[in-house]
Amino acid sequence: MRPRRLLLVAAALTLAFGASTAFAATLGVASWHIWSGSQTLTKGTCTLTGTTSTTDTYVDENSPNSSFGSGTTLSVSPRSGRERWAFVRFDLSSCAIPATGGADSATLSLRITTAPASSRTIDVDPVLTTWSGTSTWNNAQTFSYGPTTTSFTTGTAVATKSVAVTVDVDDLIKNGTANYGWRLMDAGAATNVTTTFGAANNGTASNRPQLVINYER
């Protein structure tokens, strides 16, 4: 009887081990499927620059009824009586990002082509009113603007300045917020100084405003 009992115990252990192995294998497959199923987001990058995707201009207090949308540069100045604001926006439609997607990051890059004699702080403010390349200083006084998104210092040398505008672009994608771009404004003390940026019409591609969006959908 003892050998038979030992044989039965061995058989039971074998069955238990086999069942445990089968369960572990099943669990492993199930766990893999759960992990795999979570990887459903598609990542992408969209780069916008040049006249086909960018509208920009600046307005001049000293020429309140003039427009500068066809120029190759954008001017920003705090000078009293001659203040200048620049405007820039991008057409996101070519990126084909669905409303169910979102911006992981969005970076606005602006090229300073003529630096000011002293470093300035430039505010980047969302524009909440429609505008065009023919907008004037007088028009711009009637526009609505959101809180400053970010700001950057110019320094005193030719350089490219990049700032994060992720929150603004994410709103454009997810909430269908109207895309009116940004105003560039020197809100510092009035002084005879100007910062000049390259416009979308600039003959040198690297001087043009650029928006890079890293997104998911």
C-alpha atoms as a PDB file:
ATOM      1  CA  MET A   1       0.000   0.000   0.000  1.00  0.00           C
ATOM      2  CA  ARG A   2       2.816   2.383   0.752  1.00  0.00           C
ATOM      3  CA  PRO A   3       4.272   2.317  -2.785  1.00  0.00           C
ATOM      4  CA  ARG A   4       0.775   2.887  -4.194  1.00  0.00           C
ATOM      5  CA  ARG A   5       0.219   5.858  -1.908  1.00  0.00           C
ATOM      6  CA  LEU A   6       3.552   7.320  -2.940  1.00  0.00           C
ATOM      7  CA  LEU A   7       2.575   6.885  -6.568  1.00  0.00           C
ATOM      8  CA  LEU A   8      -0.758   8.670  -6.032  1.00  0.00           C
ATOM      9  CA  VAL A   9       0.936  11.549  -4.224  1.00  0.00           C
ATOM     10  CA  ALA A  10       3.457  11.917  -7.038  1.00  0.00           C
ATOM     11  CA  ALA A  11       0.661  11.942  -9.617  1.00  0.00           C
ATOM     12  CA  ALA A  12      -1.230  14.583  -7.662  1.00  0.00           C
ATOM     13  CA  LEU A  13       1.858  16.785  -7.437  1.00  0.00           C
ATOM     14  CA  THR A  14       2.448  16.428 -11.168  1.00  0.00           C
ATOM     15  CA  LEU A  15      -1.124  17.462 -11.951  1.00  0.00           C
ATOM     16  CA  ALA A  16      -0.937  20.397  -9.564  1.00  0.00           C
ATOM     17  CA  PHE A  17       2.333  21.572 -11.063  1.00  0.00           C
ATOM     18  CA  GLY A  18       0.928  21.252 -14.590  1.00  0.00           C
ATOM     19  CA  ALA A  19      -2.192  23.216 -13.685  1.00  0.00           C
ATOM     20  CA  SER A  20      -0.079  25.894 -12.002  1.00  0.00           C
ATOM     21  CA  THR A  21       2.150  26.161 -15.054  1.00  0.00           C
ATOM     22  CA  ALA A  22      -0.851  26.399 -17.366  1.00  0.00           C
ATOM     23  CA  PHE A  23      -2.389  29.119 -15.192  1.00  0.00           C
ATOM     24  CA  ALA A  24       0.900  31.024 -15.094  1.00  0.00           C
ATOM     25  CA  ALA A  25       1.178  30.801 -18.873  1.00  0.00           C
ATOM     26  CA  THR A  26      -2.391  32.010 -19.256  1.00  0.00           C
ATOM     27  CA  LEU A  27      -1.755  34.871 -16.849  1.00  0.00           C
ATOM     28  CA  GLY A  28       1.382  35.807 -18.756  1.00  0.00           C
ATOM     29  CA  VAL A  29      -0.514  36.024 -22.037  1.00  0.00           C
ATOM     30  CA  ALA A  30      -3.356  37.977 -20.435  1.00  0.00           C
ATOM     31  CA  SER A  31      -0.916  40.384 -18.816  1.00  0.00           C
ATOM     32  CA  TRP A  32       0.843  40.892 -22.130  1.00  0.00           C
ATOM     33  CA  HIS A  33      -2.461  41.690 -23.800  1.00  0.00           C
ATOM     34  CA  ILE A  34      -3.319  44.265 -21.131  1.00  0.00           C
ATOM     35  CA  TRP A  35       0.052  45.964 -21.560  1.00  0.00           C
ATOM     36  CA  SER A  36      -0.157  45.808 -25.332  1.00  0.00           C
ATOM     37  CA  GLY A  37      -3.677  47.230 -25.344  1.00  0.00           C
ATOM     38  CA  SER A  38      -2.532  50.315 -23.428  1.00  0.00           C
ATOM     39  CA  GLN A  39      -0.179  51.321 -26.237  1.00  0.00           C
ATOM     40  CA  THR A  40      -2.862  52.828 -28.480  1.00  0.00           C
ATOM     41  CA  LEU A  41      -1.645  56.426 -28.827  1.00  0.00           C
ATOM     42  CA  THR A  42      -0.019  57.553 -32.069  1.00  0.00           C
ATOM     43  CA  LYS A  43       2.750  60.113 -31.713  1.00  0.00           C
ATOM     44  CA  GLY A  44       3.636  62.637 -34.383  1.00  0.00           C
ATOM     45  CA  THR A  45       5.386  65.925 -35.094  1.00  0.00           C
ATOM     46  CA  CYS A  46       4.127  68.786 -37.240  1.00  0.00           C
ATOM     47  CA  THR A  47       6.368  71.699 -38.251  1.00  0.00           C
ATOM     48  CA  LEU A  48       4.762  74.874 -39.593  1.00  0.00           C
ATOM     49  CA  THR A  49       6.686  77.711 -41.223  1.00  0.00           C
ATOM     50  CA  GLY A  50       6.638  79.944 -44.300  1.00  0.00           C
ATOM     51  CA  THR A  51       3.845  81.798 -46.070  1.00  0.00           C
ATOM     52  CA  THR A  52       1.699  78.730 -46.792  1.00  0.00           C
ATOM     53  CA  SER A  53       1.102  78.092 -43.089  1.00  0.00           C
ATOM     54  CA  THR A  54       1.902  81.433 -41.428  1.00  0.00           C
ATOM     55  CA  THR A  55       0.225  84.839 -41.301  1.00  0.00           C
ATOM     56  CA  ASP A  56       2.152  87.656 -39.665  1.00  0.00           C
ATOM     57  CA  THR A  57       2.428  91.434 -39.562  1.00  0.00           C
ATOM     58  CA  TYR A  58       3.221  94.313 -37.240  1.00  0.00           C
ATOM     59  CA  VAL A  59       1.401  97.520 -36.420  1.00  0.00           C
ATOM     60  CA  ASP A  60       2.902 100.949 -35.783  1.00  0.00           C
ATOM     61  CA  GLU A  61       1.453 103.639 -33.529  1.00  0.00           C
ATOM     62  CA  ASN A  62       3.229 106.295 -35.611  1.00  0.00           C
ATOM     63  CA  SER A  63       1.438 105.032 -38.762  1.00  0.00           C
ATOM     64  CA  PRO A  64      -1.919 104.076 -37.265  1.00  0.00           C
ATOM     65  CA  ASN A  65      -3.674 103.367 -40.572  1.00  0.00           C
ATOM     66  CA  SER A  66      -0.823 101.520 -42.306  1.00  0.00           C
ATOM     67  CA  SER A  67      -0.374  97.762 -42.623  1.00  0.00           C
ATOM     68  CA  PHE A  68       2.870  95.819 -42.994  1.00  0.00           C
ATOM     69  CA  GLY A  69       1.751  92.258 -43.694  1.00  0.00           C
ATOM     70  CA  SER A  70       3.769  91.948 -46.900  1.00  0.00           C
ATOM     71  CA  GLY A  71       7.073  92.884 -45.243  1.00  0.00           C
ATOM     72  CA  THR A  72      10.031  90.603 -44.633  1.00  0.00           C
ATOM     73  CA  THR A  73      10.481  91.627 -40.997  1.00  0.00           C
ATOM     74  CA  LEU A  74       8.403  92.187 -37.856  1.00  0.00           C
ATOM     75  CA  SER A  75       9.134  95.114 -35.526  1.00  0.00           C
ATOM     76  CA  VAL A  76       8.504  95.348 -31.782  1.00  0.00           C
ATOM     77  CA  SER A  77       9.164  98.564 -29.882  1.00  0.00           C
ATOM     78  CA  PRO A  78       8.023 100.261 -26.658  1.00  0.00           C
ATOM     79  CA  ARG A  79       8.935 103.755 -27.904  1.00  0.00           C
ATOM     80  CA  SER A  80       6.410 106.369 -26.756  1.00  0.00           C
ATOM     81  CA  GLY A  81       4.241 107.523 -29.642  1.00  0.00           C
ATOM     82  CA  ARG A  82       5.930 104.996 -31.950  1.00  0.00           C
ATOM     83  CA  GLU A  83       5.072 101.725 -30.231  1.00  0.00           C
ATOM     84  CA  ARG A  84       5.036  98.618 -32.417  1.00  0.00           C
ATOM     85  CA  TRP A  85       3.417  95.227 -31.885  1.00  0.00           C
ATOM     86  CA  ALA A  86       3.973  92.108 -33.990  1.00  0.00           C
ATOM     87  CA  PHE A  87       1.380  89.423 -34.709  1.00  0.00           C
ATOM     88  CA  VAL A  88       1.886  85.822 -35.826  1.00  0.00           C
ATOM     89  CA  ARG A  89      -0.397  82.824 -36.274  1.00  0.00           C
ATOM     90  CA  PHE A  90      -0.184  79.413 -37.925  1.00  0.00           C
ATOM     91  CA  ASP A  91      -2.679  77.303 -39.876  1.00  0.00           C
ATOM     92  CA  LEU A  92      -2.886  74.009 -37.986  1.00  0.00           C
ATOM     93  CA  SER A  93      -5.144  72.305 -40.549  1.00  0.00           C
ATOM     94  CA  SER A  94      -2.253  70.748 -42.460  1.00  0.00           C
ATOM     95  CA  CYS A  95      -1.209  68.889 -39.289  1.00  0.00           C
ATOM     96  CA  ALA A  96      -4.484  66.906 -39.386  1.00  0.00           C
ATOM     97  CA  ILE A  97      -4.584  66.451 -35.607  1.00  0.00           C
ATOM     98  CA  PRO A  98      -8.058  65.226 -34.547  1.00  0.00           C
ATOM     99  CA  ALA A  99      -9.941  66.874 -31.682  1.00  0.00           C
ATOM    100  CA  THR A 100      -9.408  63.680 -29.683  1.00  0.00           C
ATOM    101  CA  GLY A 101      -5.661  64.288 -29.824  1.00  0.00           C
ATOM    102  CA  GLY A 102      -3.554  66.758 -27.919  1.00  0.00           C
ATOM    103  CA  ALA A 103      -0.249  68.604 -27.845  1.00  0.00           C
ATOM    104  CA  ASP A 104       2.531  66.987 -25.832  1.00  0.00           C
ATOM    105  CA  SER A 105       4.554  70.113 -26.555  1.00  0.00           C
ATOM    106  CA  ALA A 106       4.383  73.132 -28.841  1.00  0.00           C
ATOM    107  CA  THR A 107       7.326  75.449 -29.429  1.00  0.00           C
ATOM    108  CA  LEU A 108       7.207  78.846 -31.109  1.00  0.00           C
ATOM    109  CA  SER A 109      10.557  79.952 -32.561  1.00  0.00           C
ATOM    110  CA  LEU A 110      11.302  83.504 -33.670  1.00  0.00           C
ATOM    111  CA  ARG A 111      14.509  84.729 -35.293  1.00  0.00           C
ATOM    112  CA  ILE A 112      15.904  88.086 -34.173  1.00  0.00           C
ATOM    113  CA  THR A 113      17.439  89.552 -37.324  1.00  0.00           C
ATOM    114  CA  THR A 114      18.352  92.925 -35.799  1.00  0.00           C
ATOM    115  CA  ALA A 115      18.909  92.915 -32.048  1.00  0.00           C
ATOM    116  CA  PRO A 116      18.195  95.881 -29.770  1.00  0.00           C
ATOM    117  CA  ALA A 117      21.055  97.851 -28.218  1.00  0.00           C
ATOM    118  CA  SER A 118      19.915  96.741 -24.762  1.00  0.00           C
ATOM    119  CA  SER A 119      18.242  93.464 -23.868  1.00  0.00           C
ATOM    120  CA  ARG A 120      14.446  93.602 -23.822  1.00  0.00           C
ATOM    121  CA  THR A 121      11.650  91.379 -22.496  1.00  0.00           C
ATOM    122  CA  ILE A 122       9.061  90.411 -25.100  1.00  0.00           C
ATOM    123  CA  ASP A 123       5.627  89.208 -23.964  1.00  0.00           C
ATOM    124  CA  VAL A 124       3.774  86.578 -25.994  1.00  0.00           C
ATOM    125  CA  ASP A 125       0.019  87.171 -25.617  1.00  0.00           C
ATOM    126  CA  PRO A 126      -2.795  85.089 -27.169  1.00  0.00           C
ATOM    127  CA  VAL A 127      -4.969  87.119 -29.542  1.00  0.00           C
ATOM    128  CA  LEU A 128      -8.694  86.502 -29.069  1.00  0.00           C
ATOM    129  CA  THR A 129      -9.939  88.481 -32.084  1.00  0.00           C
ATOM    130  CA  THR A 130      -9.627  87.778 -35.783  1.00  0.00           C
ATOM    131  CA  TRP A 131      -6.989  89.782 -37.656  1.00  0.00           C
ATOM    132  CA  SER A 132      -5.173  89.721 -40.985  1.00  0.00           C
ATOM    133  CA  GLY A 133      -2.002  90.890 -42.655  1.00  0.00           C
ATOM    134  CA  THR A 134      -3.745  94.165 -43.448  1.00  0.00           C
ATOM    135  CA  SER A 135      -4.561  94.996 -39.825  1.00  0.00           C
ATOM    136  CA  THR A 136      -3.426  98.395 -38.577  1.00  0.00           C
ATOM    137  CA  TRP A 137      -2.537 100.002 -35.250  1.00  0.00           C
ATOM    138  CA  ASN A 138      -6.029 101.445 -34.971  1.00  0.00           C
ATOM    139  CA  ASN A 139      -7.529  97.997 -35.640  1.00  0.00           C
ATOM    140  CA  ALA A 140      -5.285  96.403 -33.017  1.00  0.00           C
ATOM    141  CA  GLN A 141      -6.595  98.715 -30.296  1.00  0.00           C
ATOM    142  CA  THR A 142     -10.004  97.059 -30.633  1.00  0.00           C
ATOM    143  CA  PHE A 143      -8.735  93.469 -30.417  1.00  0.00           C
ATOM    144  CA  SER A 144      -9.080  91.298 -27.311  1.00  0.00           C
ATOM    145  CA  TYR A 145      -6.001  89.663 -25.781  1.00  0.00           C
ATOM    146  CA  GLY A 146      -5.570  86.854 -23.288  1.00  0.00           C
ATOM    147  CA  PRO A 147      -3.150  86.693 -20.355  1.00  0.00           C
ATOM    148  CA  THR A 148       0.510  86.546 -21.320  1.00  0.00           C
ATOM    149  CA  THR A 149       1.407  82.968 -22.300  1.00  0.00           C
ATOM    150  CA  THR A 150       5.130  83.407 -21.828  1.00  0.00           C
ATOM    151  CA  SER A 151       7.913  85.925 -22.303  1.00  0.00           C
ATOM    152  CA  PHE A 152      11.546  85.892 -23.331  1.00  0.00           C
ATOM    153  CA  THR A 153      14.560  88.158 -23.209  1.00  0.00           C
ATOM    154  CA  THR A 154      16.084  89.267 -26.492  1.00  0.00           C
ATOM    155  CA  GLY A 155      19.718  89.737 -25.554  1.00  0.00           C
ATOM    156  CA  THR A 156      21.757  92.035 -27.782  1.00  0.00           C
ATOM    157  CA  ALA A 157      22.781  89.656 -30.564  1.00  0.00           C
ATOM    158  CA  VAL A 158      21.140  88.028 -33.572  1.00  0.00           C
ATOM    159  CA  ALA A 159      19.618  84.760 -32.305  1.00  0.00           C
ATOM    160  CA  THR A 160      16.654  82.399 -32.488  1.00  0.00           C
ATOM    161  CA  LYS A 161      14.349  82.524 -29.471  1.00  0.00           C
ATOM    162  CA  SER A 162      12.118  79.526 -28.700  1.00  0.00           C
ATOM    163  CA  VAL A 163       9.256  79.568 -26.214  1.00  0.00           C
ATOM    164  CA  ALA A 164       6.697  76.993 -25.073  1.00  0.00           C
ATOM    165  CA  VAL A 165       3.094  77.640 -26.173  1.00  0.00           C
ATOM    166  CA  THR A 166       1.815  74.148 -25.377  1.00  0.00           C
ATOM    167  CA  VAL A 167      -1.246  75.200 -23.364  1.00  0.00           C
ATOM    168  CA  ASP A 168      -2.481  77.514 -26.116  1.00  0.00           C
ATOM    169  CA  VAL A 169      -2.018  74.942 -28.884  1.00  0.00           C
ATOM    170  CA  ASP A 170      -3.563  72.152 -26.803  1.00  0.00           C
ATOM    171  CA  ASP A 171      -6.665  74.334 -26.363  1.00  0.00           C
ATOM    172  CA  LEU A 172      -6.796  74.871 -30.116  1.00  0.00           C
ATOM    173  CA  ILE A 173      -6.765  71.111 -30.692  1.00  0.00           C
ATOM    174  CA  LYS A 174      -8.990  69.819 -27.890  1.00  0.00           C
ATOM    175  CA  ASN A 175     -11.482  72.618 -27.400  1.00  0.00           C
ATOM    176  CA  GLY A 176     -11.799  73.934 -30.921  1.00  0.00           C
ATOM    177  CA  THR A 177     -10.610  77.333 -29.702  1.00  0.00           C
ATOM    178  CA  ALA A 178     -10.404  79.802 -32.567  1.00  0.00           C
ATOM    179  CA  ASN A 179      -6.845  80.201 -33.790  1.00  0.00           C
ATOM    180  CA  TYR A 180      -5.847  83.853 -33.752  1.00  0.00           C
ATOM    181  CA  GLY A 181      -2.200  83.341 -32.849  1.00  0.00           C
ATOM    182  CA  TRP A 182      -0.132  85.648 -30.668  1.00  0.00           C
ATOM    183  CA  ARG A 183       0.898  89.255 -30.191  1.00  0.00           C
ATOM    184  CA  LEU A 184       4.546  90.103 -29.485  1.00  0.00           C
ATOM    185  CA  MET A 185       4.824  93.166 -27.284  1.00  0.00           C
ATOM    186  CA  ASP A 186       7.615  94.958 -25.428  1.00  0.00           C
ATOM    187  CA  ALA A 187       5.844  96.007 -22.241  1.00  0.00           C
ATOM    188  CA  GLY A 188       8.952  97.538 -20.692  1.00  0.00           C
ATOM    189  CA  ALA A 189       9.648 101.211 -20.102  1.00  0.00           C
ATOM    190  CA  ALA A 190       9.220 103.381 -23.183  1.00  0.00           C
ATOM    191  CA  THR A 191      12.565 103.943 -24.860  1.00  0.00           C
ATOM    192  CA  ASN A 192      13.920 104.411 -28.357  1.00  0.00           C
ATOM    193  CA  VAL A 193      14.757 100.756 -29.027  1.00  0.00           C
ATOM    194  CA  THR A 194      13.444  98.207 -31.547  1.00  0.00           C
ATOM    195  CA  THR A 195      13.689  94.430 -31.844  1.00  0.00           C
ATOM    196  CA  THR A 196      13.354  93.115 -35.396  1.00  0.00           C
ATOM    197  CA  PHE A 197      12.275  89.550 -36.190  1.00  0.00           C
ATOM    198  CA  GLY A 198      12.158  87.693 -39.490  1.00  0.00           C
ATOM    199  CA  ALA A 199       8.691  87.405 -41.057  1.00  0.00           C
ATOM    200  CA  ALA A 200       7.128  84.571 -43.041  1.00  0.00           C
ATOM    201  CA  ASN A 201       8.037  86.458 -46.236  1.00  0.00           C
ATOM    202  CA  ASN A 202      11.719  86.626 -45.299  1.00  0.00           C
ATOM    203  CA  GLY A 203      14.021  85.457 -48.066  1.00  0.00           C
ATOM    204  CA  THR A 204      16.076  83.355 -45.653  1.00  0.00           C
ATOM    205  CA  ALA A 205      14.106  80.302 -44.536  1.00  0.00           C
ATOM    206  CA  SER A 206      15.836  80.085 -41.153  1.00  0.00           C
ATOM    207  CA  ASN A 207      14.634  83.632 -40.351  1.00  0.00           C
ATOM    208  CA  ARG A 208      10.942  82.768 -40.608  1.00  0.00           C
ATOM    209  CA  PRO A 209       8.673  82.113 -37.596  1.00  0.00           C
ATOM    210  CA  GLN A 210       8.229  78.429 -36.849  1.00  0.00           C
ATOM    211  CA  LEU A 211       5.811  76.367 -34.774  1.00  0.00           C
ATOM    212  CA  VAL A 212       6.713  72.761 -33.916  1.00  0.00           C
ATOM    213  CA  ILE A 213       3.977  70.587 -32.391  1.00  0.00           C
ATOM    214  CA  ASN A 214       4.645  67.181 -30.859  1.00  0.00           C
ATOM    215  CA  TYR A 215       1.250  65.549 -30.539  1.00  0.00           C
ATOM    216  CA  GLU A 216      -0.646  62.361 -29.766  1.00  0.00           C
ATOM    217  CA  ARG A 217      -3.884  61.007 -31.223  1.00  0.00           C
END
